[in-house]
Amino acid sequence: VTRCRELIHGIYLDGTEILEVGAGGGFLSHYLAECVPVRSLVALDEYAGHGSPVATGEMIAVMQAALKNTERLTIVRKDFLQYEPGPRFDRVLCVNVLHHIVNFRVKEHGGTRLDEAETVLRHVAQCLKPGGTAVIQELSNRNWCFMPGYRASMQHVDWESKLPPADWSEALVRAGFDNIKIRYRLPLNLPRWNWLRPLFNSEFVSLMMDSSFVVTARFV
């Protein structure tokens, strides 16, 4: 729950129609469907192991059966770049997933990460209503991890597969977005005290911890 709340901090979602790309186990999608007054939500994932190898469609389906929220939440098994929405969405949420798609395309097509990020973000734009917002959480490709607890938890991360915030910002501009804002995430193991946010909302501090950031951008 803390992870979900931190992701959507400061983002207005009441009454919105949402697409979550790379829904995985479905924790964020179900949290939004149950705890936030969104209008509707589509949880999209191909469940083919290109991102997290442990993400399957079983967990999200079991949770939906238990919560009985099929009226508000729809689960779609499909590759994101092959997904063609009917009505577009007010918000598209992408949590630690877009770099997987970018790197898969780099291996397949041989382009640069920045060019492939632009391609992926253009498809995000195609899923948004004009004026809609993309919400992207990623890790930077740099990390110093001075704190022992964070260092131990981040040993499995492939840092070279990540893009820095500046590259995401450039790719968003090239893909037709504006009003781009970067927020460095408050560490999840700290209390939700607002006075802490200015201390941690810094790229320098983020690089000493988990290097996580959230980018929001408006599709023009």
C-alpha atoms as a PDB file:
ATOM      1  CA  VAL A   1       0.000   0.000   0.000  1.00  0.00           C
ATOM      2  CA  THR A   2       2.848   2.386   0.852  1.00  0.00           C
ATOM      3  CA  ARG A   3       4.408   1.788  -2.561  1.00  0.00           C
ATOM      4  CA  CYS A   4       1.104   2.527  -4.321  1.00  0.00           C
ATOM      5  CA  ARG A   5       0.463   5.689  -2.320  1.00  0.00           C
ATOM      6  CA  GLU A   6       3.955   6.995  -2.965  1.00  0.00           C
ATOM      7  CA  LEU A   7       3.626   6.437  -6.711  1.00  0.00           C
ATOM      8  CA  ILE A   8       0.403   8.433  -7.012  1.00  0.00           C
ATOM      9  CA  HIS A   9       1.362  11.161  -4.523  1.00  0.00           C
ATOM     10  CA  GLY A  10       0.130  14.499  -5.843  1.00  0.00           C
ATOM     11  CA  ILE A  11      -1.546  12.958  -8.920  1.00  0.00           C
ATOM     12  CA  TYR A  12      -5.287  13.553  -9.293  1.00  0.00           C
ATOM     13  CA  LEU A  13      -7.082  10.308 -10.137  1.00  0.00           C
ATOM     14  CA  ASP A  14     -10.677  10.780  -8.930  1.00  0.00           C
ATOM     15  CA  GLY A  15     -13.166   9.902 -11.652  1.00  0.00           C
ATOM     16  CA  THR A  16     -10.458   9.111 -14.207  1.00  0.00           C
ATOM     17  CA  GLU A  17     -10.107   6.263 -16.680  1.00  0.00           C
ATOM     18  CA  ILE A  18      -6.723   4.591 -16.249  1.00  0.00           C
ATOM     19  CA  LEU A  19      -4.468   2.209 -18.159  1.00  0.00           C
ATOM     20  CA  GLU A  20      -1.727   0.455 -16.212  1.00  0.00           C
ATOM     21  CA  VAL A  21       0.994  -0.856 -18.522  1.00  0.00           C
ATOM     22  CA  GLY A  22       2.816  -3.920 -17.213  1.00  0.00           C
ATOM     23  CA  ALA A  23       0.349  -4.639 -14.426  1.00  0.00           C
ATOM     24  CA  GLY A  24       2.195  -7.763 -13.264  1.00  0.00           C
ATOM     25  CA  GLY A  25       0.668  -9.214 -10.114  1.00  0.00           C
ATOM     26  CA  GLY A  26      -1.936  -6.480 -10.113  1.00  0.00           C
ATOM     27  CA  PHE A  27      -1.283  -4.866  -6.738  1.00  0.00           C
ATOM     28  CA  LEU A  28      -1.380  -1.286  -8.053  1.00  0.00           C
ATOM     29  CA  SER A  29      -4.394  -1.899 -10.289  1.00  0.00           C
ATOM     30  CA  HIS A  30      -6.384  -3.516  -7.498  1.00  0.00           C
ATOM     31  CA  TYR A  31      -5.335  -0.822  -5.028  1.00  0.00           C
ATOM     32  CA  LEU A  32      -6.608   1.884  -7.379  1.00  0.00           C
ATOM     33  CA  ALA A  33      -9.829  -0.011  -8.118  1.00  0.00           C
ATOM     34  CA  GLU A  34     -10.556  -0.582  -4.429  1.00  0.00           C
ATOM     35  CA  CYS A  35      -9.124   2.455  -2.628  1.00  0.00           C
ATOM     36  CA  VAL A  36      -9.266   5.371  -5.096  1.00  0.00           C
ATOM     37  CA  PRO A  37     -12.504   6.660  -6.701  1.00  0.00           C
ATOM     38  CA  VAL A  38     -11.348   6.053 -10.277  1.00  0.00           C
ATOM     39  CA  ARG A  39     -14.010   5.543 -12.911  1.00  0.00           C
ATOM     40  CA  SER A  40     -12.444   2.511 -14.586  1.00  0.00           C
ATOM     41  CA  LEU A  41      -9.097   0.809 -15.021  1.00  0.00           C
ATOM     42  CA  VAL A  42      -7.476  -1.516 -17.559  1.00  0.00           C
ATOM     43  CA  ALA A  43      -4.595  -3.688 -16.287  1.00  0.00           C
ATOM     44  CA  LEU A  44      -2.455  -4.585 -19.309  1.00  0.00           C
ATOM     45  CA  ASP A  45       0.374  -7.125 -19.406  1.00  0.00           C
ATOM     46  CA  GLU A  46       1.573  -9.688 -21.934  1.00  0.00           C
ATOM     47  CA  TYR A  47       2.764 -12.061 -19.147  1.00  0.00           C
ATOM     48  CA  ALA A  48       5.482 -13.406 -21.413  1.00  0.00           C
ATOM     49  CA  GLY A  49       8.483 -12.929 -19.126  1.00  0.00           C
ATOM     50  CA  HIS A  50      10.038 -10.005 -21.004  1.00  0.00           C
ATOM     51  CA  GLY A  51       9.884  -7.904 -17.849  1.00  0.00           C
ATOM     52  CA  SER A  52       9.667  -9.653 -14.507  1.00  0.00           C
ATOM     53  CA  PRO A  53      10.103 -13.410 -15.002  1.00  0.00           C
ATOM     54  CA  VAL A  54       7.917 -14.091 -11.956  1.00  0.00           C
ATOM     55  CA  ALA A  55       4.921 -12.045 -13.119  1.00  0.00           C
ATOM     56  CA  THR A  56       2.093 -14.247 -14.325  1.00  0.00           C
ATOM     57  CA  GLY A  57      -1.543 -13.560 -14.959  1.00  0.00           C
ATOM     58  CA  GLU A  58      -2.610 -15.963 -12.241  1.00  0.00           C
ATOM     59  CA  MET A  59      -2.147 -13.668  -9.249  1.00  0.00           C
ATOM     60  CA  ILE A  60      -4.003 -10.688 -10.686  1.00  0.00           C
ATOM     61  CA  ALA A  61      -6.895 -12.951 -11.722  1.00  0.00           C
ATOM     62  CA  VAL A  62      -7.089 -14.613  -8.295  1.00  0.00           C
ATOM     63  CA  MET A  63      -7.152 -11.187  -6.640  1.00  0.00           C
ATOM     64  CA  GLN A  64      -9.925 -10.049  -8.942  1.00  0.00           C
ATOM     65  CA  ALA A  65     -11.985 -13.138  -8.186  1.00  0.00           C
ATOM     66  CA  ALA A  66     -11.595 -12.484  -4.482  1.00  0.00           C
ATOM     67  CA  LEU A  67     -12.351  -8.746  -4.704  1.00  0.00           C
ATOM     68  CA  LYS A  68     -15.167  -9.088  -7.273  1.00  0.00           C
ATOM     69  CA  ASN A  69     -14.219  -5.801  -8.954  1.00  0.00           C
ATOM     70  CA  THR A  70     -14.784  -6.780 -12.583  1.00  0.00           C
ATOM     71  CA  GLU A  71     -17.055  -3.768 -13.155  1.00  0.00           C
ATOM     72  CA  ARG A  72     -14.235  -1.293 -12.504  1.00  0.00           C
ATOM     73  CA  LEU A  73     -11.172  -3.330 -13.502  1.00  0.00           C
ATOM     74  CA  THR A  74     -10.517  -5.123 -16.788  1.00  0.00           C
ATOM     75  CA  ILE A  75      -7.510  -7.420 -17.238  1.00  0.00           C
ATOM     76  CA  VAL A  76      -6.035  -7.498 -20.749  1.00  0.00           C
ATOM     77  CA  ARG A  77      -3.269  -9.933 -21.805  1.00  0.00           C
ATOM     78  CA  LYS A  78      -1.487  -8.250 -24.695  1.00  0.00           C
ATOM     79  CA  ASP A  79       1.824  -6.772 -25.768  1.00  0.00           C
ATOM     80  CA  PHE A  80       1.631  -3.043 -25.049  1.00  0.00           C
ATOM     81  CA  LEU A  81       2.862  -1.950 -28.485  1.00  0.00           C
ATOM     82  CA  GLN A  82       0.174  -4.107 -30.101  1.00  0.00           C
ATOM     83  CA  TYR A  83      -2.567  -2.797 -27.817  1.00  0.00           C
ATOM     84  CA  GLU A  84      -5.064  -0.503 -29.514  1.00  0.00           C
ATOM     85  CA  PRO A  85      -7.405   1.159 -27.038  1.00  0.00           C
ATOM     86  CA  GLY A  86     -11.009   1.904 -27.875  1.00  0.00           C
ATOM     87  CA  PRO A  87     -11.759   5.049 -25.896  1.00  0.00           C
ATOM     88  CA  ARG A  88      -8.542   6.695 -24.765  1.00  0.00           C
ATOM     89  CA  PHE A  89      -7.523   7.133 -21.143  1.00  0.00           C
ATOM     90  CA  ASP A  90      -7.085  10.067 -18.770  1.00  0.00           C
ATOM     91  CA  ARG A  91      -3.976   8.511 -17.209  1.00  0.00           C
ATOM     92  CA  VAL A  92      -1.442   5.900 -18.323  1.00  0.00           C
ATOM     93  CA  LEU A  93       0.626   4.443 -15.475  1.00  0.00           C
ATOM     94  CA  CYS A  94       3.925   2.672 -16.187  1.00  0.00           C
ATOM     95  CA  VAL A  95       5.757   1.358 -13.129  1.00  0.00           C
ATOM     96  CA  ASN A  96       9.289   0.070 -13.776  1.00  0.00           C
ATOM     97  CA  VAL A  97       8.191  -1.392 -17.096  1.00  0.00           C
ATOM     98  CA  LEU A  98       9.028   0.925 -19.999  1.00  0.00           C
ATOM     99  CA  HIS A  99      12.780   0.282 -19.848  1.00  0.00           C
ATOM    100  CA  HIS A 100      12.045  -3.439 -20.388  1.00  0.00           C
ATOM    101  CA  ILE A 101      10.137  -2.623 -23.583  1.00  0.00           C
ATOM    102  CA  VAL A 102      12.832  -0.181 -24.702  1.00  0.00           C
ATOM    103  CA  ASN A 103      15.661  -2.650 -24.197  1.00  0.00           C
ATOM    104  CA  PHE A 104      13.743  -5.455 -25.904  1.00  0.00           C
ATOM    105  CA  ARG A 105      13.277  -3.178 -28.924  1.00  0.00           C
ATOM    106  CA  VAL A 106      16.971  -2.216 -28.893  1.00  0.00           C
ATOM    107  CA  LYS A 107      17.891  -5.907 -29.085  1.00  0.00           C
ATOM    108  CA  GLU A 108      15.326  -6.550 -31.818  1.00  0.00           C
ATOM    109  CA  HIS A 109      15.899  -3.463 -33.979  1.00  0.00           C
ATOM    110  CA  GLY A 110      19.354  -2.206 -33.043  1.00  0.00           C
ATOM    111  CA  GLY A 111      18.285   1.396 -32.427  1.00  0.00           C
ATOM    112  CA  THR A 112      19.467   3.619 -29.624  1.00  0.00           C
ATOM    113  CA  ARG A 113      17.723   3.525 -26.250  1.00  0.00           C
ATOM    114  CA  LEU A 114      16.634   7.144 -26.682  1.00  0.00           C
ATOM    115  CA  ASP A 115      15.070   6.493 -30.102  1.00  0.00           C
ATOM    116  CA  GLU A 116      13.297   3.378 -28.868  1.00  0.00           C
ATOM    117  CA  ALA A 117      12.085   5.251 -25.765  1.00  0.00           C
ATOM    118  CA  GLU A 118      10.537   7.818 -28.103  1.00  0.00           C
ATOM    119  CA  THR A 119       8.798   5.029 -30.052  1.00  0.00           C
ATOM    120  CA  VAL A 120       7.375   3.507 -26.866  1.00  0.00           C
ATOM    121  CA  LEU A 121       6.257   6.886 -25.530  1.00  0.00           C
ATOM    122  CA  ARG A 122       4.503   7.694 -28.803  1.00  0.00           C
ATOM    123  CA  HIS A 123       2.380   4.624 -28.173  1.00  0.00           C
ATOM    124  CA  VAL A 124       1.714   5.851 -24.630  1.00  0.00           C
ATOM    125  CA  ALA A 125       0.505   9.091 -26.238  1.00  0.00           C
ATOM    126  CA  GLN A 126      -1.808   7.154 -28.552  1.00  0.00           C
ATOM    127  CA  CYS A 127      -3.483   5.681 -25.486  1.00  0.00           C
ATOM    128  CA  LEU A 128      -4.115   9.084 -23.857  1.00  0.00           C
ATOM    129  CA  LYS A 129      -6.851  11.624 -24.363  1.00  0.00           C
ATOM    130  CA  PRO A 130      -5.573  15.101 -25.308  1.00  0.00           C
ATOM    131  CA  GLY A 131      -4.515  16.668 -22.036  1.00  0.00           C
ATOM    132  CA  GLY A 132      -4.117  13.257 -20.418  1.00  0.00           C
ATOM    133  CA  THR A 133      -1.178  12.426 -18.186  1.00  0.00           C
ATOM    134  CA  ALA A 134       1.524   9.777 -18.394  1.00  0.00           C
ATOM    135  CA  VAL A 135       2.909   8.667 -15.027  1.00  0.00           C
ATOM    136  CA  ILE A 136       6.223   6.820 -15.338  1.00  0.00           C
ATOM    137  CA  GLN A 137       8.219   5.363 -12.478  1.00  0.00           C
ATOM    138  CA  GLU A 138      11.736   4.181 -13.294  1.00  0.00           C
ATOM    139  CA  LEU A 139      15.199   3.752 -11.813  1.00  0.00           C
ATOM    140  CA  SER A 140      18.121   5.853 -12.980  1.00  0.00           C
ATOM    141  CA  ASN A 141      21.049   4.120 -14.664  1.00  0.00           C
ATOM    142  CA  ARG A 142      23.292   5.524 -11.939  1.00  0.00           C
ATOM    143  CA  ASN A 143      23.281   4.514  -8.288  1.00  0.00           C
ATOM    144  CA  TRP A 144      25.765   4.968  -5.448  1.00  0.00           C
ATOM    145  CA  CYS A 145      23.736   3.152  -2.788  1.00  0.00           C
ATOM    146  CA  PHE A 146      25.640   4.343   0.277  1.00  0.00           C
ATOM    147  CA  MET A 147      23.062   3.005   2.737  1.00  0.00           C
ATOM    148  CA  PRO A 148      23.704  -0.689   3.582  1.00  0.00           C
ATOM    149  CA  GLY A 149      20.043  -1.730   3.554  1.00  0.00           C
ATOM    150  CA  TYR A 150      19.440  -0.240   0.145  1.00  0.00           C
ATOM    151  CA  ARG A 151      22.737  -1.578  -1.197  1.00  0.00           C
ATOM    152  CA  ALA A 152      21.727  -5.133  -0.291  1.00  0.00           C
ATOM    153  CA  SER A 153      18.271  -4.770  -1.810  1.00  0.00           C
ATOM    154  CA  MET A 154      19.559  -3.311  -5.097  1.00  0.00           C
ATOM    155  CA  GLN A 155      22.290  -5.852  -5.904  1.00  0.00           C
ATOM    156  CA  HIS A 156      20.109  -7.634  -8.469  1.00  0.00           C
ATOM    157  CA  VAL A 157      19.396  -4.498 -10.532  1.00  0.00           C
ATOM    158  CA  ASP A 158      20.829  -4.296 -14.048  1.00  0.00           C
ATOM    159  CA  TRP A 159      21.754  -0.605 -13.952  1.00  0.00           C
ATOM    160  CA  GLU A 160      22.909  -0.469 -17.586  1.00  0.00           C
ATOM    161  CA  SER A 161      19.396  -1.314 -18.749  1.00  0.00           C
ATOM    162  CA  LYS A 162      17.991   1.876 -17.184  1.00  0.00           C
ATOM    163  CA  LEU A 163      17.674   5.386 -18.586  1.00  0.00           C
ATOM    164  CA  PRO A 164      18.403   8.571 -16.614  1.00  0.00           C
ATOM    165  CA  PRO A 165      15.609  11.103 -15.980  1.00  0.00           C
ATOM    166  CA  ALA A 166      17.041  13.506 -18.576  1.00  0.00           C
ATOM    167  CA  ASP A 167      16.684  10.897 -21.336  1.00  0.00           C
ATOM    168  CA  TRP A 168      13.076  10.175 -20.403  1.00  0.00           C
ATOM    169  CA  SER A 169      12.374  13.915 -20.453  1.00  0.00           C
ATOM    170  CA  GLU A 170      13.914  14.303 -23.914  1.00  0.00           C
ATOM    171  CA  ALA A 171      12.057  11.278 -25.271  1.00  0.00           C
ATOM    172  CA  LEU A 172       8.777  12.627 -23.860  1.00  0.00           C
ATOM    173  CA  VAL A 173       9.261  15.961 -25.601  1.00  0.00           C
ATOM    174  CA  ARG A 174      10.053  14.190 -28.876  1.00  0.00           C
ATOM    175  CA  ALA A 175       6.906  12.060 -28.439  1.00  0.00           C
ATOM    176  CA  GLY A 176       4.622  15.086 -28.095  1.00  0.00           C
ATOM    177  CA  PHE A 177       4.411  15.636 -24.341  1.00  0.00           C
ATOM    178  CA  ASP A 178       4.863  18.805 -22.335  1.00  0.00           C
ATOM    179  CA  ASN A 179       4.597  19.964 -18.703  1.00  0.00           C
ATOM    180  CA  ILE A 180       7.188  17.327 -17.761  1.00  0.00           C
ATOM    181  CA  LYS A 181       7.902  17.050 -14.041  1.00  0.00           C
ATOM    182  CA  ILE A 182      10.338  14.784 -12.213  1.00  0.00           C
ATOM    183  CA  ARG A 183       9.803  13.797  -8.587  1.00  0.00           C
ATOM    184  CA  TYR A 184      12.338  11.757  -6.658  1.00  0.00           C
ATOM    185  CA  ARG A 185      10.526   9.220  -4.544  1.00  0.00           C
ATOM    186  CA  LEU A 186      10.415   9.310  -0.761  1.00  0.00           C
ATOM    187  CA  PRO A 187      12.076   6.089   0.496  1.00  0.00           C
ATOM    188  CA  LEU A 188       9.404   3.511   1.240  1.00  0.00           C
ATOM    189  CA  ASN A 189      10.795   2.561   4.636  1.00  0.00           C
ATOM    190  CA  LEU A 190      10.341   6.087   6.015  1.00  0.00           C
ATOM    191  CA  PRO A 191       7.156   7.566   7.515  1.00  0.00           C
ATOM    192  CA  ARG A 192       4.902   9.524   5.167  1.00  0.00           C
ATOM    193  CA  TRP A 193       5.871  12.857   6.735  1.00  0.00           C
ATOM    194  CA  ASN A 194       5.495  15.664   4.219  1.00  0.00           C
ATOM    195  CA  TRP A 195       8.329  17.661   5.764  1.00  0.00           C
ATOM    196  CA  LEU A 196      10.692  14.897   4.585  1.00  0.00           C
ATOM    197  CA  ARG A 197       9.811  15.326   0.924  1.00  0.00           C
ATOM    198  CA  PRO A 198      11.982  18.395   0.217  1.00  0.00           C
ATOM    199  CA  LEU A 199      14.933  16.551   1.754  1.00  0.00           C
ATOM    200  CA  PHE A 200      14.609  13.539  -0.549  1.00  0.00           C
ATOM    201  CA  ASN A 201      13.207  15.182  -3.689  1.00  0.00           C
ATOM    202  CA  SER A 202      16.704  15.554  -5.121  1.00  0.00           C
ATOM    203  CA  GLU A 203      18.587  13.603  -7.778  1.00  0.00           C
ATOM    204  CA  PHE A 204      21.739  13.635  -5.652  1.00  0.00           C
ATOM    205  CA  VAL A 205      19.990  12.118  -2.633  1.00  0.00           C
ATOM    206  CA  SER A 206      18.107   9.640  -4.837  1.00  0.00           C
ATOM    207  CA  LEU A 207      21.346   8.342  -6.327  1.00  0.00           C
ATOM    208  CA  MET A 208      22.593   7.539  -2.828  1.00  0.00           C
ATOM    209  CA  MET A 209      19.521   5.401  -2.197  1.00  0.00           C
ATOM    210  CA  ASP A 210      17.365   3.506  -4.681  1.00  0.00           C
ATOM    211  CA  SER A 211      17.621   5.925  -7.666  1.00  0.00           C
ATOM    212  CA  SER A 212      13.841   5.796  -8.117  1.00  0.00           C
ATOM    213  CA  PHE A 213      11.981   8.700  -9.704  1.00  0.00           C
ATOM    214  CA  VAL A 214       8.510   9.457 -11.040  1.00  0.00           C
ATOM    215  CA  VAL A 215       7.992  11.433 -14.228  1.00  0.00           C
ATOM    216  CA  THR A 216       4.638  12.978 -15.082  1.00  0.00           C
ATOM    217  CA  ALA A 217       3.959  14.493 -18.490  1.00  0.00           C
ATOM    218  CA  ARG A 218       0.920  15.852 -20.317  1.00  0.00           C
ATOM    219  CA  PHE A 219       0.018  14.711 -23.807  1.00  0.00           C
ATOM    220  CA  VAL A 220      -0.683  17.814 -25.849  1.00  0.00           C
END
